[in-house]
Amino acid sequence: MNPIRIGILGYGNLGRGVELAVAANDDMELVGVFTRRDPASVHPYGENVAVWNAADLAAHTDDIDVLVLAGGSATDLPEQTPMAAALYNVVDSFDTHANIPAHFAAVDAAARESSHVAVISVGWDPGMFSVSRVYANAIMPNGADYTFWGRGVSQGHSDAIRRIPGVADARQYTVPVPAALEAVRSGANPELSTRDKHTRECYVVAEEGTDEAAIEEAIVTMPNYFADYDTTVTFVTQEELDRDHAGIPHGGSVIRTGTTGAAGENTHVIEYSLKLDSNPEFTGSVLAACARACWRMAESGEAGARTIFDIAPAQLSPMTPEELRATML
């Protein structure tokens, strides 16, 4: 069987993570990368990977089976995914939870009109954590859900800060509140607000001559990102950021606590957790697995937008159904 031909739109940290993930899967090959930079300045890991200008997206539809979008959720994906879905089967990691329904609708319209499959909002949250929530709710209807992220660098939140005028570079850490996490794991079923569960730490490099107070105000009041959290902003030099915040770790836990029994006498805690040395490499790995499912759905004649909820586990795996039953069940 011929390998699934993958293209990547965007070649930052996430794009490189997708390339590494594709290389780890024998049933896939990366054929090309689209970039908004000068293509001559972009050097993929693979020797035979083409680099194309993003403006030439429509010129390579015969070369690619699935296009993986590696842009940011703040400004890139809302425009790029519907546009790309008109040309390709696509996968993205759009992660602004509040805007997923609107994003899905826009992408679904483009994908249905062009008879493509578009898998949106896959990664670890939304993505793997989302699946855990659905399973846990189906199994334990009498309960409560809790999600804790971090401590780790959020690529989407860091990107949102970097889009603020006057910001040269930034890293944002999401940090669980220890007391809240302990109370949930104990089965106490606490009522927690968004602010009760996490704090956000921002390390920002400001351009010379920029009003730092204005940047800080833009960060702490940003809806969907920082406005609902206790947020601290620390201004640092580029050298300090490169030295102290070069890594991109992340992780977290999605937990459901609940009860069973005639009188609710038995307490249960379901927890799915991740500890990630590299957020973009793990997210890239999820995108690659979903690209496999995307291609299989497209090959079967499906069209339109899909989420992780619409993908059966077997569609994600390179194993045959017989192999899955023998080794995973």
C-alpha atoms as a PDB file:
ATOM      1  CA  MET A   1       0.000   0.000   0.000  1.00  0.00           C
ATOM      2  CA  ASN A   2       1.286   3.467  -0.855  1.00  0.00           C
ATOM      3  CA  PRO A   3       2.108   5.706   2.132  1.00  0.00           C
ATOM      4  CA  ILE A   4      -0.214   8.564   3.029  1.00  0.00           C
ATOM      5  CA  ARG A   5       1.287  11.714   1.529  1.00  0.00           C
ATOM      6  CA  ILE A   6       1.387  14.458   4.168  1.00  0.00           C
ATOM      7  CA  GLY A   7       1.871  18.185   3.720  1.00  0.00           C
ATOM      8  CA  ILE A   8       2.376  20.724   6.500  1.00  0.00           C
ATOM      9  CA  LEU A   9       1.258  24.352   6.464  1.00  0.00           C
ATOM     10  CA  GLY A  10       3.533  26.256   8.842  1.00  0.00           C
ATOM     11  CA  TYR A  11       6.965  25.207  10.047  1.00  0.00           C
ATOM     12  CA  GLY A  12       7.402  26.492  13.572  1.00  0.00           C
ATOM     13  CA  ASN A  13       7.636  24.317  16.679  1.00  0.00           C
ATOM     14  CA  LEU A  14       4.403  22.480  15.896  1.00  0.00           C
ATOM     15  CA  GLY A  15       5.263  21.980  12.231  1.00  0.00           C
ATOM     16  CA  ARG A  16       8.580  20.417  13.180  1.00  0.00           C
ATOM     17  CA  GLY A  17       6.764  18.227  15.698  1.00  0.00           C
ATOM     18  CA  VAL A  18       4.448  17.000  12.946  1.00  0.00           C
ATOM     19  CA  GLU A  19       7.427  16.212  10.698  1.00  0.00           C
ATOM     20  CA  LEU A  20       9.045  14.089  13.424  1.00  0.00           C
ATOM     21  CA  ALA A  21       5.754  12.268  14.026  1.00  0.00           C
ATOM     22  CA  VAL A  22       5.258  11.515  10.334  1.00  0.00           C
ATOM     23  CA  ALA A  23       8.808  10.144  10.138  1.00  0.00           C
ATOM     24  CA  ALA A  24       7.988   7.746  12.989  1.00  0.00           C
ATOM     25  CA  ASN A  25       5.056   6.201  11.067  1.00  0.00           C
ATOM     26  CA  ASP A  26       5.884   3.760   8.277  1.00  0.00           C
ATOM     27  CA  ASP A  27       2.552   4.307   6.522  1.00  0.00           C
ATOM     28  CA  MET A  28       3.163   8.038   5.999  1.00  0.00           C
ATOM     29  CA  GLU A  29       5.602  10.275   4.179  1.00  0.00           C
ATOM     30  CA  LEU A  30       6.102  14.025   4.329  1.00  0.00           C
ATOM     31  CA  VAL A  31       6.220  15.398   0.809  1.00  0.00           C
ATOM     32  CA  GLY A  32       6.230  19.130   1.405  1.00  0.00           C
ATOM     33  CA  VAL A  33       6.068  22.082   3.774  1.00  0.00           C
ATOM     34  CA  PHE A  34       4.298  25.370   3.051  1.00  0.00           C
ATOM     35  CA  THR A  35       5.747  28.465   4.725  1.00  0.00           C
ATOM     36  CA  ARG A  36       5.111  32.201   4.822  1.00  0.00           C
ATOM     37  CA  ARG A  37       8.846  32.725   5.195  1.00  0.00           C
ATOM     38  CA  ASP A  38      11.359  32.633   2.376  1.00  0.00           C
ATOM     39  CA  PRO A  39      11.319  28.938   1.385  1.00  0.00           C
ATOM     40  CA  ALA A  40      15.103  29.008   0.998  1.00  0.00           C
ATOM     41  CA  SER A  41      15.402  29.798   4.720  1.00  0.00           C
ATOM     42  CA  VAL A  42      13.405  26.734   5.841  1.00  0.00           C
ATOM     43  CA  HIS A  43      15.276  23.450   6.247  1.00  0.00           C
ATOM     44  CA  PRO A  44      13.170  20.401   7.164  1.00  0.00           C
ATOM     45  CA  TYR A  45      14.752  17.394   8.839  1.00  0.00           C
ATOM     46  CA  GLY A  46      13.970  15.190   5.834  1.00  0.00           C
ATOM     47  CA  GLU A  47      16.329  15.506   2.868  1.00  0.00           C
ATOM     48  CA  ASN A  48      13.652  14.971   0.212  1.00  0.00           C
ATOM     49  CA  VAL A  49      10.995  17.271   1.671  1.00  0.00           C
ATOM     50  CA  ALA A  50      10.003  20.117  -0.630  1.00  0.00           C
ATOM     51  CA  VAL A  51       9.516  23.625   0.751  1.00  0.00           C
ATOM     52  CA  TRP A  52       6.889  25.773  -0.942  1.00  0.00           C
ATOM     53  CA  ASN A  53       5.596  29.284  -0.483  1.00  0.00           C
ATOM     54  CA  ALA A  54       2.282  29.354   1.377  1.00  0.00           C
ATOM     55  CA  ALA A  55       0.885  31.493  -1.429  1.00  0.00           C
ATOM     56  CA  ASP A  56       1.223  28.442  -3.696  1.00  0.00           C
ATOM     57  CA  LEU A  57      -1.094  26.258  -1.614  1.00  0.00           C
ATOM     58  CA  ALA A  58      -3.449  25.595  -4.519  1.00  0.00           C
ATOM     59  CA  ALA A  59      -0.639  24.395  -6.802  1.00  0.00           C
ATOM     60  CA  HIS A  60       0.098  21.110  -5.017  1.00  0.00           C
ATOM     61  CA  THR A  61      -3.271  19.454  -4.503  1.00  0.00           C
ATOM     62  CA  ASP A  62      -2.203  16.460  -6.601  1.00  0.00           C
ATOM     63  CA  ASP A  63       0.857  15.872  -4.394  1.00  0.00           C
ATOM     64  CA  ILE A  64      -0.783  15.666  -0.964  1.00  0.00           C
ATOM     65  CA  ASP A  65      -3.380  13.353   0.585  1.00  0.00           C
ATOM     66  CA  VAL A  66      -3.741  15.202   3.912  1.00  0.00           C
ATOM     67  CA  LEU A  67      -2.574  18.705   4.796  1.00  0.00           C
ATOM     68  CA  VAL A  68      -1.742  19.256   8.476  1.00  0.00           C
ATOM     69  CA  LEU A  69      -2.148  22.856   9.612  1.00  0.00           C
ATOM     70  CA  ALA A  70       0.444  23.942  12.159  1.00  0.00           C
ATOM     71  CA  GLY A  71      -0.587  27.565  12.682  1.00  0.00           C
ATOM     72  CA  GLY A  72      -1.824  29.302  15.797  1.00  0.00           C
ATOM     73  CA  SER A  73      -5.430  29.349  16.965  1.00  0.00           C
ATOM     74  CA  ALA A  74      -5.563  33.068  17.694  1.00  0.00           C
ATOM     75  CA  THR A  75      -5.393  34.363  14.112  1.00  0.00           C
ATOM     76  CA  ASP A  76      -4.073  31.669  11.734  1.00  0.00           C
ATOM     77  CA  LEU A  77      -6.437  28.707  11.876  1.00  0.00           C
ATOM     78  CA  PRO A  78      -9.775  30.569  11.785  1.00  0.00           C
ATOM     79  CA  GLU A  79      -8.790  31.741   8.291  1.00  0.00           C
ATOM     80  CA  GLN A  80      -6.446  28.977   7.144  1.00  0.00           C
ATOM     81  CA  THR A  81      -8.493  25.880   7.904  1.00  0.00           C
ATOM     82  CA  PRO A  82     -11.631  26.786   5.904  1.00  0.00           C
ATOM     83  CA  MET A  83      -9.422  28.007   3.044  1.00  0.00           C
ATOM     84  CA  ALA A  84      -7.310  24.841   3.078  1.00  0.00           C
ATOM     85  CA  ALA A  85     -10.353  22.553   3.413  1.00  0.00           C
ATOM     86  CA  ALA A  86     -11.532  23.864   0.058  1.00  0.00           C
ATOM     87  CA  LEU A  87      -8.361  22.376  -1.462  1.00  0.00           C
ATOM     88  CA  TYR A  88      -7.305  19.409   0.692  1.00  0.00           C
ATOM     89  CA  ASN A  89      -8.286  16.928   3.341  1.00  0.00           C
ATOM     90  CA  VAL A  90      -7.006  18.725   6.442  1.00  0.00           C
ATOM     91  CA  VAL A  91      -6.256  18.325  10.134  1.00  0.00           C
ATOM     92  CA  ASP A  92      -5.787  21.184  12.621  1.00  0.00           C
ATOM     93  CA  SER A  93      -5.260  21.719  16.350  1.00  0.00           C
ATOM     94  CA  PHE A  94      -7.570  24.715  16.883  1.00  0.00           C
ATOM     95  CA  ASP A  95      -7.708  25.024  20.673  1.00  0.00           C
ATOM     96  CA  THR A  96      -9.792  28.074  21.582  1.00  0.00           C
ATOM     97  CA  HIS A  97     -12.486  25.999  23.303  1.00  0.00           C
ATOM     98  CA  ALA A  98     -15.168  28.687  23.341  1.00  0.00           C
ATOM     99  CA  ASN A  99     -14.896  29.199  19.575  1.00  0.00           C
ATOM    100  CA  ILE A 100     -14.828  25.548  18.467  1.00  0.00           C
ATOM    101  CA  PRO A 101     -18.528  25.418  17.425  1.00  0.00           C
ATOM    102  CA  ALA A 102     -18.117  28.434  15.134  1.00  0.00           C
ATOM    103  CA  HIS A 103     -14.821  27.106  13.762  1.00  0.00           C
ATOM    104  CA  PHE A 104     -16.401  23.717  13.099  1.00  0.00           C
ATOM    105  CA  ALA A 105     -19.288  25.314  11.199  1.00  0.00           C
ATOM    106  CA  ALA A 106     -17.005  27.378   8.967  1.00  0.00           C
ATOM    107  CA  VAL A 107     -14.722  24.445   8.189  1.00  0.00           C
ATOM    108  CA  ASP A 108     -17.622  22.040   7.685  1.00  0.00           C
ATOM    109  CA  ALA A 109     -19.175  24.297   5.040  1.00  0.00           C
ATOM    110  CA  ALA A 110     -15.904  24.523   3.105  1.00  0.00           C
ATOM    111  CA  ALA A 111     -15.128  20.817   3.376  1.00  0.00           C
ATOM    112  CA  ARG A 112     -18.608  19.668   2.318  1.00  0.00           C
ATOM    113  CA  GLU A 113     -18.617  21.953  -0.697  1.00  0.00           C
ATOM    114  CA  SER A 114     -15.249  20.579  -1.849  1.00  0.00           C
ATOM    115  CA  SER A 115     -15.939  16.946  -0.809  1.00  0.00           C
ATOM    116  CA  HIS A 116     -13.012  16.859   1.609  1.00  0.00           C
ATOM    117  CA  VAL A 117     -12.672  15.630   5.198  1.00  0.00           C
ATOM    118  CA  ALA A 118     -11.470  18.171   7.779  1.00  0.00           C
ATOM    119  CA  VAL A 119     -10.570  17.000  11.274  1.00  0.00           C
ATOM    120  CA  ILE A 120     -10.409  19.975  13.648  1.00  0.00           C
ATOM    121  CA  SER A 121      -9.298  20.650  17.216  1.00  0.00           C
ATOM    122  CA  VAL A 122      -7.118  17.603  17.799  1.00  0.00           C
ATOM    123  CA  GLY A 123      -4.137  17.525  20.112  1.00  0.00           C
ATOM    124  CA  TRP A 124      -4.220  16.746  23.785  1.00  0.00           C
ATOM    125  CA  ASP A 125      -6.748  19.374  24.899  1.00  0.00           C
ATOM    126  CA  PRO A 126      -8.897  19.595  22.917  1.00  0.00           C
ATOM    127  CA  GLY A 127      -8.222  16.059  21.739  1.00  0.00           C
ATOM    128  CA  MET A 128      -7.103  13.253  24.038  1.00  0.00           C
ATOM    129  CA  PHE A 129      -8.531  14.975  27.115  1.00  0.00           C
ATOM    130  CA  SER A 130     -11.828  15.436  25.261  1.00  0.00           C
ATOM    131  CA  VAL A 131     -12.122  11.681  24.681  1.00  0.00           C
ATOM    132  CA  SER A 132     -11.466  11.012  28.363  1.00  0.00           C
ATOM    133  CA  ARG A 133     -14.249  13.426  29.337  1.00  0.00           C
ATOM    134  CA  VAL A 134     -16.757  11.690  27.072  1.00  0.00           C
ATOM    135  CA  TYR A 135     -15.836   8.191  28.268  1.00  0.00           C
ATOM    136  CA  ALA A 136     -15.908   9.196  31.936  1.00  0.00           C
ATOM    137  CA  ASN A 137     -19.266  10.978  31.631  1.00  0.00           C
ATOM    138  CA  ALA A 138     -20.819   8.033  29.820  1.00  0.00           C
ATOM    139  CA  ILE A 139     -19.586   5.595  32.457  1.00  0.00           C
ATOM    140  CA  MET A 140     -20.296   7.696  35.540  1.00  0.00           C
ATOM    141  CA  PRO A 141     -23.303   9.992  34.981  1.00  0.00           C
ATOM    142  CA  ASN A 142     -23.477  11.081  38.632  1.00  0.00           C
ATOM    143  CA  GLY A 143     -20.343  13.137  38.990  1.00  0.00           C
ATOM    144  CA  ALA A 144     -18.340  16.237  38.166  1.00  0.00           C
ATOM    145  CA  ASP A 145     -15.582  17.041  35.665  1.00  0.00           C
ATOM    146  CA  TYR A 146     -12.298  18.796  36.384  1.00  0.00           C
ATOM    147  CA  THR A 147      -9.439  19.660  34.047  1.00  0.00           C
ATOM    148  CA  PHE A 148      -6.024  20.842  35.200  1.00  0.00           C
ATOM    149  CA  TRP A 149      -3.317  21.952  32.789  1.00  0.00           C
ATOM    150  CA  GLY A 150       0.375  22.278  33.534  1.00  0.00           C
ATOM    151  CA  ARG A 151       2.648  23.328  34.904  1.00  0.00           C
ATOM    152  CA  GLY A 152       3.684  23.917  31.341  1.00  0.00           C
ATOM    153  CA  VAL A 153       4.117  26.219  28.389  1.00  0.00           C
ATOM    154  CA  SER A 154       0.944  26.849  26.404  1.00  0.00           C
ATOM    155  CA  GLN A 155       1.826  27.341  22.732  1.00  0.00           C
ATOM    156  CA  GLY A 156      -1.523  28.941  21.939  1.00  0.00           C
ATOM    157  CA  HIS A 157      -1.393  31.394  24.837  1.00  0.00           C
ATOM    158  CA  SER A 158       2.243  32.237  24.139  1.00  0.00           C
ATOM    159  CA  ASP A 159       1.344  32.885  20.510  1.00  0.00           C
ATOM    160  CA  ALA A 160      -1.553  35.116  21.569  1.00  0.00           C
ATOM    161  CA  ILE A 161       0.830  37.250  23.638  1.00  0.00           C
ATOM    162  CA  ARG A 162       3.307  37.496  20.765  1.00  0.00           C
ATOM    163  CA  ARG A 163       0.546  38.911  18.558  1.00  0.00           C
ATOM    164  CA  ILE A 164       0.199  41.947  20.873  1.00  0.00           C
ATOM    165  CA  PRO A 165       1.842  45.053  19.363  1.00  0.00           C
ATOM    166  CA  GLY A 166       5.175  45.741  21.029  1.00  0.00           C
ATOM    167  CA  VAL A 167       5.860  42.152  22.088  1.00  0.00           C
ATOM    168  CA  ALA A 168       9.047  40.668  20.640  1.00  0.00           C
ATOM    169  CA  ASP A 169       8.758  37.223  22.266  1.00  0.00           C
ATOM    170  CA  ALA A 170       6.912  35.515  25.108  1.00  0.00           C
ATOM    171  CA  ARG A 171       6.306  32.297  27.032  1.00  0.00           C
ATOM    172  CA  GLN A 172       3.177  31.581  29.048  1.00  0.00           C
ATOM    173  CA  TYR A 173       2.985  28.943  31.773  1.00  0.00           C
ATOM    174  CA  THR A 174      -0.290  27.481  32.983  1.00  0.00           C
ATOM    175  CA  VAL A 175       0.005  26.437  36.624  1.00  0.00           C
ATOM    176  CA  PRO A 176      -2.527  24.322  38.588  1.00  0.00           C
ATOM    177  CA  VAL A 177      -3.444  25.534  42.066  1.00  0.00           C
ATOM    178  CA  PRO A 178      -2.138  22.681  44.306  1.00  0.00           C
ATOM    179  CA  ALA A 179      -4.931  22.896  46.887  1.00  0.00           C
ATOM    180  CA  ALA A 180      -7.603  22.629  44.195  1.00  0.00           C
ATOM    181  CA  LEU A 181      -5.949  19.611  42.579  1.00  0.00           C
ATOM    182  CA  GLU A 182      -5.617  17.845  45.931  1.00  0.00           C
ATOM    183  CA  ALA A 183      -9.269  18.471  46.799  1.00  0.00           C
ATOM    184  CA  VAL A 184     -10.439  16.972  43.500  1.00  0.00           C
ATOM    185  CA  ARG A 185      -8.256  13.871  43.754  1.00  0.00           C
ATOM    186  CA  SER A 186      -9.602  13.235  47.254  1.00  0.00           C
ATOM    187  CA  GLY A 187     -13.110  12.793  45.816  1.00  0.00           C
ATOM    188  CA  ALA A 188     -14.441  15.810  47.716  1.00  0.00           C
ATOM    189  CA  ASN A 189     -16.243  17.137  44.594  1.00  0.00           C
ATOM    190  CA  PRO A 190     -15.385  20.809  45.275  1.00  0.00           C
ATOM    191  CA  GLU A 191     -17.059  23.601  43.341  1.00  0.00           C
ATOM    192  CA  LEU A 192     -14.212  25.442  41.636  1.00  0.00           C
ATOM    193  CA  SER A 193     -14.275  28.529  39.440  1.00  0.00           C
ATOM    194  CA  THR A 194     -11.869  28.973  36.540  1.00  0.00           C
ATOM    195  CA  ARG A 195      -9.796  31.281  38.721  1.00  0.00           C
ATOM    196  CA  ASP A 196      -9.728  28.728  41.560  1.00  0.00           C
ATOM    197  CA  LYS A 197      -8.053  26.040  39.434  1.00  0.00           C
ATOM    198  CA  HIS A 198      -5.156  27.742  37.631  1.00  0.00           C
ATOM    199  CA  THR A 199      -2.867  30.716  37.568  1.00  0.00           C
ATOM    200  CA  ARG A 200      -1.033  31.991  34.500  1.00  0.00           C
ATOM    201  CA  GLU A 201       2.571  33.187  34.429  1.00  0.00           C
ATOM    202  CA  CYS A 202       3.723  35.254  31.453  1.00  0.00           C
ATOM    203  CA  TYR A 203       7.348  36.039  30.615  1.00  0.00           C
ATOM    204  CA  VAL A 204       7.487  38.763  27.998  1.00  0.00           C
ATOM    205  CA  VAL A 205      10.220  40.422  25.941  1.00  0.00           C
ATOM    206  CA  ALA A 206       9.069  43.903  24.978  1.00  0.00           C
ATOM    207  CA  GLU A 207      10.353  45.756  21.969  1.00  0.00           C
ATOM    208  CA  GLU A 208      12.553  48.721  22.815  1.00  0.00           C
ATOM    209  CA  GLY A 209      10.591  51.835  23.637  1.00  0.00           C
ATOM    210  CA  THR A 210       7.272  50.000  24.060  1.00  0.00           C
ATOM    211  CA  ASP A 211       4.858  50.861  26.881  1.00  0.00           C
ATOM    212  CA  GLU A 212       5.142  47.781  29.130  1.00  0.00           C
ATOM    213  CA  ALA A 213       2.115  48.792  31.193  1.00  0.00           C
ATOM    214  CA  ALA A 214      -0.032  48.787  28.042  1.00  0.00           C
ATOM    215  CA  ILE A 215       1.250  45.326  27.102  1.00  0.00           C
ATOM    216  CA  GLU A 216       0.487  43.998  30.570  1.00  0.00           C
ATOM    217  CA  GLU A 217      -3.035  45.441  30.444  1.00  0.00           C
ATOM    218  CA  ALA A 218      -3.620  43.864  27.020  1.00  0.00           C
ATOM    219  CA  ILE A 219      -2.539  40.483  28.389  1.00  0.00           C
ATOM    220  CA  VAL A 220      -4.480  40.363  31.653  1.00  0.00           C
ATOM    221  CA  THR A 221      -7.711  41.560  30.009  1.00  0.00           C
ATOM    222  CA  MET A 222      -7.549  39.271  26.937  1.00  0.00           C
ATOM    223  CA  PRO A 223     -10.835  37.313  26.700  1.00  0.00           C
ATOM    224  CA  ASN A 224     -10.697  33.499  26.362  1.00  0.00           C
ATOM    225  CA  TYR A 225      -7.021  33.544  27.334  1.00  0.00           C
ATOM    226  CA  PHE A 226      -6.212  35.510  30.506  1.00  0.00           C
ATOM    227  CA  ALA A 227      -9.174  37.590  31.689  1.00  0.00           C
ATOM    228  CA  ASP A 228     -10.621  34.782  33.847  1.00  0.00           C
ATOM    229  CA  TYR A 229      -7.355  33.904  35.608  1.00  0.00           C
ATOM    230  CA  ASP A 230      -4.973  35.405  38.138  1.00  0.00           C
ATOM    231  CA  THR A 231      -2.211  36.352  35.718  1.00  0.00           C
ATOM    232  CA  THR A 232       1.272  37.646  36.436  1.00  0.00           C
ATOM    233  CA  VAL A 233       3.371  39.341  33.756  1.00  0.00           C
ATOM    234  CA  THR A 234       7.150  39.495  34.116  1.00  0.00           C
ATOM    235  CA  PHE A 235       9.229  41.410  31.589  1.00  0.00           C
ATOM    236  CA  VAL A 236      12.577  39.832  30.773  1.00  0.00           C
ATOM    237  CA  THR A 237      15.315  40.248  28.207  1.00  0.00           C
ATOM    238  CA  GLN A 238      15.552  37.992  25.167  1.00  0.00           C
ATOM    239  CA  GLU A 239      18.671  36.461  26.675  1.00  0.00           C
ATOM    240  CA  GLU A 240      16.821  35.615  29.898  1.00  0.00           C
ATOM    241  CA  LEU A 241      13.913  34.106  27.976  1.00  0.00           C
ATOM    242  CA  ASP A 242      16.235  31.983  25.826  1.00  0.00           C
ATOM    243  CA  ARG A 243      18.216  30.833  28.853  1.00  0.00           C
ATOM    244  CA  ASP A 244      15.473  30.136  31.357  1.00  0.00           C
ATOM    245  CA  HIS A 245      12.435  29.283  29.195  1.00  0.00           C
ATOM    246  CA  ALA A 246      13.781  27.472  26.123  1.00  0.00           C
ATOM    247  CA  GLY A 247      11.874  24.217  26.661  1.00  0.00           C
ATOM    248  CA  ILE A 248       8.211  23.615  25.824  1.00  0.00           C
ATOM    249  CA  PRO A 249       7.003  21.138  28.474  1.00  0.00           C
ATOM    250  CA  HIS A 250       3.346  20.693  29.354  1.00  0.00           C
ATOM    251  CA  GLY A 251       0.784  18.209  30.573  1.00  0.00           C
ATOM    252  CA  GLY A 252      -2.091  17.972  32.963  1.00  0.00           C
ATOM    253  CA  SER A 253      -4.979  15.857  34.138  1.00  0.00           C
ATOM    254  CA  VAL A 254      -8.641  15.459  33.292  1.00  0.00           C
ATOM    255  CA  ILE A 255     -10.546  14.036  36.247  1.00  0.00           C
ATOM    256  CA  ARG A 256     -14.123  12.948  36.844  1.00  0.00           C
ATOM    257  CA  THR A 257     -15.290  12.180  40.344  1.00  0.00           C
ATOM    258  CA  GLY A 258     -18.637  10.630  41.097  1.00  0.00           C
ATOM    259  CA  THR A 259     -20.656   8.064  42.963  1.00  0.00           C
ATOM    260  CA  THR A 260     -22.520   4.820  42.374  1.00  0.00           C
ATOM    261  CA  GLY A 261     -24.861   2.795  44.544  1.00  0.00           C
ATOM    262  CA  ALA A 262     -28.482   3.180  45.602  1.00  0.00           C
ATOM    263  CA  ALA A 263     -27.568   5.971  47.997  1.00  0.00           C
ATOM    264  CA  GLY A 264     -24.404   7.147  46.283  1.00  0.00           C
ATOM    265  CA  GLU A 265     -22.334   5.387  48.919  1.00  0.00           C
ATOM    266  CA  ASN A 266     -19.394   4.458  46.651  1.00  0.00           C
ATOM    267  CA  THR A 267     -17.030   7.154  45.395  1.00  0.00           C
ATOM    268  CA  HIS A 268     -14.937   6.819  42.227  1.00  0.00           C
ATOM    269  CA  VAL A 269     -12.208   8.936  40.649  1.00  0.00           C
ATOM    270  CA  ILE A 270     -11.317   8.593  36.955  1.00  0.00           C
ATOM    271  CA  GLU A 271      -8.108  10.375  35.967  1.00  0.00           C
ATOM    272  CA  TYR A 272      -6.249  10.617  32.664  1.00  0.00           C
ATOM    273  CA  SER A 273      -2.969  12.500  32.866  1.00  0.00           C
ATOM    274  CA  LEU A 274      -0.102  13.516  30.615  1.00  0.00           C
ATOM    275  CA  LYS A 275       3.450  14.621  31.390  1.00  0.00           C
ATOM    276  CA  LEU A 276       5.034  16.003  28.250  1.00  0.00           C
ATOM    277  CA  ASP A 277       8.651  17.003  27.731  1.00  0.00           C
ATOM    278  CA  SER A 278       7.678  18.606  24.414  1.00  0.00           C
ATOM    279  CA  ASN A 279       4.201  19.981  23.908  1.00  0.00           C
ATOM    280  CA  PRO A 280       4.612  20.535  20.121  1.00  0.00           C
ATOM    281  CA  GLU A 281       6.110  17.103  19.494  1.00  0.00           C
ATOM    282  CA  PHE A 282       3.300  15.352  21.364  1.00  0.00           C
ATOM    283  CA  THR A 283       0.637  17.509  19.693  1.00  0.00           C
ATOM    284  CA  GLY A 284       2.295  16.768  16.352  1.00  0.00           C
ATOM    285  CA  SER A 285       2.021  13.067  17.120  1.00  0.00           C
ATOM    286  CA  VAL A 286      -1.724  13.371  17.731  1.00  0.00           C
ATOM    287  CA  LEU A 287      -2.121  15.345  14.501  1.00  0.00           C
ATOM    288  CA  ALA A 288      -0.269  12.627  12.578  1.00  0.00           C
ATOM    289  CA  ALA A 289      -2.512   9.867  13.960  1.00  0.00           C
ATOM    290  CA  CYS A 290      -5.582  11.927  13.090  1.00  0.00           C
ATOM    291  CA  ALA A 291      -4.208  12.503   9.583  1.00  0.00           C
ATOM    292  CA  ARG A 292      -4.321   8.724   9.138  1.00  0.00           C
ATOM    293  CA  ALA A 293      -7.963   8.672  10.246  1.00  0.00           C
ATOM    294  CA  CYS A 294      -8.733  11.675   8.038  1.00  0.00           C
ATOM    295  CA  TRP A 295      -7.381   9.899   4.968  1.00  0.00           C
ATOM    296  CA  ARG A 296      -9.264   6.702   5.766  1.00  0.00           C
ATOM    297  CA  MET A 297     -12.532   8.620   6.115  1.00  0.00           C
ATOM    298  CA  ALA A 298     -11.889  10.476   2.872  1.00  0.00           C
ATOM    299  CA  GLU A 299     -11.100   7.225   1.071  1.00  0.00           C
ATOM    300  CA  SER A 300     -14.403   5.789   2.271  1.00  0.00           C
ATOM    301  CA  GLY A 301     -16.300   8.693   0.691  1.00  0.00           C
ATOM    302  CA  GLU A 302     -16.988  10.858   3.729  1.00  0.00           C
ATOM    303  CA  ALA A 303     -16.951  14.660   3.554  1.00  0.00           C
ATOM    304  CA  GLY A 304     -17.241  17.541   6.006  1.00  0.00           C
ATOM    305  CA  ALA A 305     -15.720  18.513   9.334  1.00  0.00           C
ATOM    306  CA  ARG A 306     -15.043  15.989  12.075  1.00  0.00           C
ATOM    307  CA  THR A 307     -13.721  16.097  15.649  1.00  0.00           C
ATOM    308  CA  ILE A 308     -11.987  13.491  17.770  1.00  0.00           C
ATOM    309  CA  PHE A 309     -15.447  12.312  18.879  1.00  0.00           C
ATOM    310  CA  ASP A 310     -16.198  11.139  15.343  1.00  0.00           C
ATOM    311  CA  ILE A 311     -13.075   8.996  15.003  1.00  0.00           C
ATOM    312  CA  ALA A 312     -13.172   5.376  16.127  1.00  0.00           C
ATOM    313  CA  PRO A 313      -9.948   4.302  17.899  1.00  0.00           C
ATOM    314  CA  ALA A 314      -9.183   1.767  15.174  1.00  0.00           C
ATOM    315  CA  GLN A 315      -9.091   4.568  12.593  1.00  0.00           C
ATOM    316  CA  LEU A 316      -6.179   6.191  14.416  1.00  0.00           C
ATOM    317  CA  SER A 317      -4.019   3.078  14.557  1.00  0.00           C
ATOM    318  CA  PRO A 318      -1.729   1.698  11.849  1.00  0.00           C
ATOM    319  CA  MET A 319      -2.615  -1.814  13.077  1.00  0.00           C
ATOM    320  CA  THR A 320      -5.131  -4.009  11.318  1.00  0.00           C
ATOM    321  CA  PRO A 321      -8.355  -4.910  13.139  1.00  0.00           C
ATOM    322  CA  GLU A 322      -6.940  -8.412  13.680  1.00  0.00           C
ATOM    323  CA  GLU A 323      -3.751  -7.000  15.210  1.00  0.00           C
ATOM    324  CA  LEU A 324      -5.707  -4.675  17.460  1.00  0.00           C
ATOM    325  CA  ARG A 325      -7.889  -7.506  18.775  1.00  0.00           C
ATOM    326  CA  ALA A 326      -4.881  -9.703  19.413  1.00  0.00           C
ATOM    327  CA  THR A 327      -2.656  -7.120  21.112  1.00  0.00           C
ATOM    328  CA  MET A 328      -4.697  -4.207  22.447  1.00  0.00           C
ATOM    329  CA  LEU A 329      -8.062  -5.582  23.514  1.00  0.00           C
END
